Amino acid sequence: MNIEILPTKTEYKTMKIDGYFIHSSYNPIREAEKFAKSNYVAGKTHILYGYGLGYFALELLKHFQHKEKLIIIEPFLAIEEKRSDILYIDKNDIENVQLLLAKYIDITEPAVLLKSPNYDKIDQDKYLDIAKFVKNQVISNKVARNTINHFANQWFENIVHNLYFATKDYSIKELKDKYDCPIVIASGGPSLTKQLKYIKQYRDKMLLIAAGSTINSLLAANIVPDLVVSIDGGQPNLNHFKDLYTDEIMFMYGLTSKYEIREHFKAPSFFFGSEGEGVNSELAQVIKDPLVIVSGGSSVAVFCLTIASYITTGKIALIGQDLAYTNNQSHASNNKGAKILSKEEIEKRKIEIEGYYGEKVYSDAPFITMKNDFELTMSILLKDREVFNCTEGGAKIEGMHQLSFKEFCETNCCHKVPLIDLPFKKNTQSIAYLDYWENQLPLFDQTIKLLEDSLLVLKRDQYKQFFESKTIKQLDKNEELIEENISNLNLSRIMEKANLAVLTEFPAAADETKEQEFKRVYNQNEFLYTEFIDTLKVSKDIIQKFLKQYQTKDGILNGKDSI
């Protein structure tokens, strides 16, 4: 690559890369000023493709008014001098650009991609790849926000109930490296159907994990998996299991899984945690068994992949992981969510991406989010593991080997999978867990009272143009106590919805006046306190109903002590 630093008509220099001018050869500063003025968007994360000599980045910073974030992606140069107020992905980091974008772009932050002049012409394929990564991350963040808004209350209820079950079940730690056999993860994509014959042929020579609702497609084909994993917390997930009661399939559940599903399984069951569930150390001690945090994402299949790598030292294969509408189908046959999509439905939601065989396939935002999660998991956690995408259809997943499922089975499924021994599990913590929540009930009322007091304090300044110092002092004092109580009540997950709304629904205007800023901050705080009060009332009601279900007035467990 030929890089030239050249003089201009001013004191500032310009740059050429492979014959393309990156800055004006006349007045690069004036060009950068115009660029920044026309491309700055208030309240958004700015991702600038191409750093050059830094003029565009420095002029953009001058426009920032509301703690906007600037991310530089520089694919051709190693940036020597770096500022603390800019996030950099330069030539030395470019191989990890997808990982770093996921780290740098918060789900609360809308983002805009800008490119310095001519940078896309130097290597068009590289630019298109970067643009795809940015677009996919923005899509993933939108899906994550929608998920939080929809499931926050259900997650808390599920966590409370599933921790009760955890007092009786095994921690996933009991399975750490217990196996050395190949593990096959069956997901519910349309391509699963063609792989069923190979599962049957090699069934006793693999550990078979069903990803959530995929269990129905397997059972319909007279295939019994060893283990089914559940993380989804909504009623649709429960519907997949409503007719299933079994004592021969092990069950593994995340704490956010729809809690009623647990009662459909009589074989040994295992629990695990995931990031952000808000289980504090005091509550974890009540459970006694270790709460292992499993990295996952937006799909139960991603959790299955991480779990597989945790419990076996052998090779791992994915089947039915289309992440696309193969043959216009949503799922494999006999999945309760399966349907054929019309051309209109495909057209409405389609996003064209690279397919398994290099062809173009139709996907959508949730599928792309899952694809991103797989690729991040492979690049961070499993880069040294042999993982094979044996779907033979759908989307291509970067970082995984591609191999036909027949060949995977012929090569790796050679010996019968031995049974494992588990320690005797004696329930000693159920009553302690119920007592824990009984003792926490007064803290809900205390926290609601603090929030109501904060609302009254806030309203004293409602018709002013600034906050009085005594108002700020009292609100800060209350906020410190409220944050401590929310942590003690394990409410961080259910509070995500309100916190997310505060950060996304009150954008700052460009050139915001002091009066406008005051009104915006006032409205933010009023909204937050009101939402927190409502959420605490909902949470308290969940706890009271839970306690009523599992205990009598004297604290002795009712007839549900045995699962």
Foldseek 3Di string as FASTA:
>chain_A
DDKDWAAACDRHIWIDDPRDTLADRHDRLVVLLVVLVVPADFQAAEEEEAQGVNNNVVNVVVQHDPLHAYEYEACPDDDDDDDPRHHYQHVVRLVCLLVVLLVPDALLHHYDYHYGPPPCVNPVVSVVVNVVSNVLSNLLSVVVLVCLQVCLLLQLLLLLLVLLVLLFAAALVLQFAVAAAEEEEEEWAALSVVCLVVCVVLVQLYQYEYEQLCQQVQVVVVHHHQEYEFEDRDPVSVVSCVPAADARHEYEYESNGNNVSVRSYNHHYHYAYEPQQLCDPVLCVLSVHDHHYADAFLGSVRSVVSSSVRRHPYEYEYASLQQACVQQWDGHPRRPPIDRDDPVRQVVFWDWDQKPVRDITTHGSSSSSRLSRNQSCLVPPNLPGAYEYQHPIHHHRPNHHYDHPNVVCVVRRDDGTDDDDDDDGDRDRSLVSLVLLVVLLVLLVVLLVLLVVLLVLLVVCVPPLDRDPVNVVSNVVSVVVNVVSCSSVSSRSSLVSLVSCLSRVLGADRPHDSSNVRNSVSVSSNSSSVVSSVSSVSSSVSSVVVSVQFADPVSHGPPVPDD
